[in-house]
Amino acid sequence: MTADHRDFLQRLSRQERTLLVLREELYEGSWKEMTVDLEARLKKKPHLFELSETIEADILRIKKLIEYENQHDIDLGEYLEDE
């Protein structure tokens, strides 16, 4: 893991880190599946799992994490255990 990636991970909020862990454990590493589930929950459709934070805030956090992963061509979930 590069120092930049380590710094980024260390700066994640508790909520962002939780979303990253949940993506790995419940959605097999897929932001798309997680986002679809959150949007379904927001629309009162069937969903897999309930989060305590507001959905809108979680979706914004997910977008931040996706943007970082896309910019650096990495999967942050692979680095969780390195922490």
C-alpha atoms as a PDB file:
ATOM      1  CA  MET A   1       0.000   0.000   0.000  1.00  0.00           C
ATOM      2  CA  THR A   2       1.348   3.421  -0.876  1.00  0.00           C
ATOM      3  CA  ALA A   3       1.664   6.137   1.740  1.00  0.00           C
ATOM      4  CA  ASP A   4      -1.031   8.151  -0.078  1.00  0.00           C
ATOM      5  CA  HIS A   5      -3.506   5.268   0.118  1.00  0.00           C
ATOM      6  CA  ARG A   6      -2.655   4.642   3.772  1.00  0.00           C
ATOM      7  CA  ASP A   7      -3.196   8.348   4.544  1.00  0.00           C
ATOM      8  CA  PHE A   8      -6.519   8.341   2.701  1.00  0.00           C
ATOM      9  CA  LEU A   9      -7.720   5.286   4.629  1.00  0.00           C
ATOM     10  CA  GLN A  10      -6.621   6.772   7.944  1.00  0.00           C
ATOM     11  CA  ARG A  11      -8.571   9.971   7.218  1.00  0.00           C
ATOM     12  CA  LEU A  12     -11.834   8.128   6.519  1.00  0.00           C
ATOM     13  CA  SER A  13     -14.630   8.904   8.931  1.00  0.00           C
ATOM     14  CA  ARG A  14     -16.132   6.118  11.019  1.00  0.00           C
ATOM     15  CA  GLN A  15     -19.143   6.117   8.684  1.00  0.00           C
ATOM     16  CA  GLU A  16     -17.004   5.898   5.530  1.00  0.00           C
ATOM     17  CA  ARG A  17     -14.966   3.048   6.981  1.00  0.00           C
ATOM     18  CA  THR A  18     -18.177   1.246   7.975  1.00  0.00           C
ATOM     19  CA  LEU A  19     -19.495   1.566   4.417  1.00  0.00           C
ATOM     20  CA  LEU A  20     -16.250   0.172   3.040  1.00  0.00           C
ATOM     21  CA  VAL A  21     -16.388  -2.815   5.409  1.00  0.00           C
ATOM     22  CA  LEU A  22     -20.076  -3.424   4.637  1.00  0.00           C
ATOM     23  CA  ARG A  23     -19.372  -3.292   0.909  1.00  0.00           C
ATOM     24  CA  GLU A  24     -16.786  -6.031   1.353  1.00  0.00           C
ATOM     25  CA  GLU A  25     -18.828  -8.217   3.687  1.00  0.00           C
ATOM     26  CA  LEU A  26     -22.404  -7.835   2.434  1.00  0.00           C
ATOM     27  CA  TYR A  27     -22.100  -6.779  -1.197  1.00  0.00           C
ATOM     28  CA  GLU A  28     -19.086  -8.848  -2.318  1.00  0.00           C
ATOM     29  CA  GLY A  29     -17.022  -5.704  -2.914  1.00  0.00           C
ATOM     30  CA  SER A  30     -19.576  -4.064  -5.225  1.00  0.00           C
ATOM     31  CA  TRP A  31     -20.365  -0.369  -4.836  1.00  0.00           C
ATOM     32  CA  LYS A  32     -23.040  -0.783  -7.508  1.00  0.00           C
ATOM     33  CA  GLU A  33     -24.926  -3.461  -5.555  1.00  0.00           C
ATOM     34  CA  MET A  34     -24.656  -1.448  -2.358  1.00  0.00           C
ATOM     35  CA  THR A  35     -25.890   1.742  -4.025  1.00  0.00           C
ATOM     36  CA  VAL A  36     -28.808  -0.093  -5.680  1.00  0.00           C
ATOM     37  CA  ASP A  37     -29.777  -1.490  -2.271  1.00  0.00           C
ATOM     38  CA  LEU A  38     -29.617   1.938  -0.607  1.00  0.00           C
ATOM     39  CA  GLU A  39     -31.637   3.556  -3.371  1.00  0.00           C
ATOM     40  CA  ALA A  40     -34.269   0.802  -3.067  1.00  0.00           C
ATOM     41  CA  ARG A  41     -34.449   1.470   0.650  1.00  0.00           C
ATOM     42  CA  LEU A  42     -34.834   5.180  -0.032  1.00  0.00           C
ATOM     43  CA  LYS A  43     -37.756   4.431  -2.375  1.00  0.00           C
ATOM     44  CA  LYS A  44     -39.299   2.053   0.188  1.00  0.00           C
ATOM     45  CA  LYS A  45     -38.661  -0.944  -2.079  1.00  0.00           C
ATOM     46  CA  PRO A  46     -37.318  -4.268  -0.800  1.00  0.00           C
ATOM     47  CA  HIS A  47     -33.748  -3.937   0.418  1.00  0.00           C
ATOM     48  CA  LEU A  48     -31.107  -6.188   1.918  1.00  0.00           C
ATOM     49  CA  PHE A  49     -29.951  -4.354   4.942  1.00  0.00           C
ATOM     50  CA  GLU A  50     -30.672  -1.324   7.115  1.00  0.00           C
ATOM     51  CA  LEU A  51     -28.123   1.368   7.968  1.00  0.00           C
ATOM     52  CA  SER A  52     -28.441   3.751  10.895  1.00  0.00           C
ATOM     53  CA  GLU A  53     -27.167   6.790   8.980  1.00  0.00           C
ATOM     54  CA  THR A  54     -29.316   8.626   6.472  1.00  0.00           C
ATOM     55  CA  ILE A  55     -29.236   7.115   3.022  1.00  0.00           C
ATOM     56  CA  GLU A  56     -28.412  10.372   1.311  1.00  0.00           C
ATOM     57  CA  ALA A  57     -25.318  10.845   3.485  1.00  0.00           C
ATOM     58  CA  ASP A  58     -24.235   7.251   2.871  1.00  0.00           C
ATOM     59  CA  ILE A  59     -24.592   7.659  -0.887  1.00  0.00           C
ATOM     60  CA  LEU A  60     -22.406  10.786  -0.770  1.00  0.00           C
ATOM     61  CA  ARG A  61     -19.789   8.891   1.232  1.00  0.00           C
ATOM     62  CA  ILE A  62     -19.886   6.045  -1.281  1.00  0.00           C
ATOM     63  CA  LYS A  63     -19.373   8.494  -4.156  1.00  0.00           C
ATOM     64  CA  LYS A  64     -16.286   9.884  -2.387  1.00  0.00           C
ATOM     65  CA  LEU A  65     -14.844   6.391  -1.957  1.00  0.00           C
ATOM     66  CA  ILE A  66     -15.648   5.392  -5.550  1.00  0.00           C
ATOM     67  CA  GLU A  67     -14.006   8.573  -6.836  1.00  0.00           C
ATOM     68  CA  TYR A  68     -10.817   7.841  -4.912  1.00  0.00           C
ATOM     69  CA  GLU A  69     -10.750   4.215  -6.087  1.00  0.00           C
ATOM     70  CA  ASN A  70     -11.308   5.247  -9.708  1.00  0.00           C
ATOM     71  CA  GLN A  71      -8.676   8.001  -9.605  1.00  0.00           C
ATOM     72  CA  HIS A  72      -6.055   5.629  -8.219  1.00  0.00           C
ATOM     73  CA  ASP A  73      -7.223   2.383  -9.869  1.00  0.00           C
ATOM     74  CA  ILE A  74      -7.360   0.543  -6.541  1.00  0.00           C
ATOM     75  CA  ASP A  75      -9.833  -1.354  -4.378  1.00  0.00           C
ATOM     76  CA  LEU A  76      -9.692   0.129  -0.878  1.00  0.00           C
ATOM     77  CA  GLY A  77     -11.264  -3.019   0.533  1.00  0.00           C
ATOM     78  CA  GLU A  78      -8.042  -4.872  -0.209  1.00  0.00           C
ATOM     79  CA  TYR A  79      -6.230  -2.561   2.197  1.00  0.00           C
ATOM     80  CA  LEU A  80      -8.563  -2.787   5.188  1.00  0.00           C
ATOM     81  CA  GLU A  81      -6.547  -5.558   6.829  1.00  0.00           C
ATOM     82  CA  ASP A  82      -3.307  -3.588   6.358  1.00  0.00           C
ATOM     83  CA  GLU A  83      -4.548  -0.967   8.811  1.00  0.00           C
END
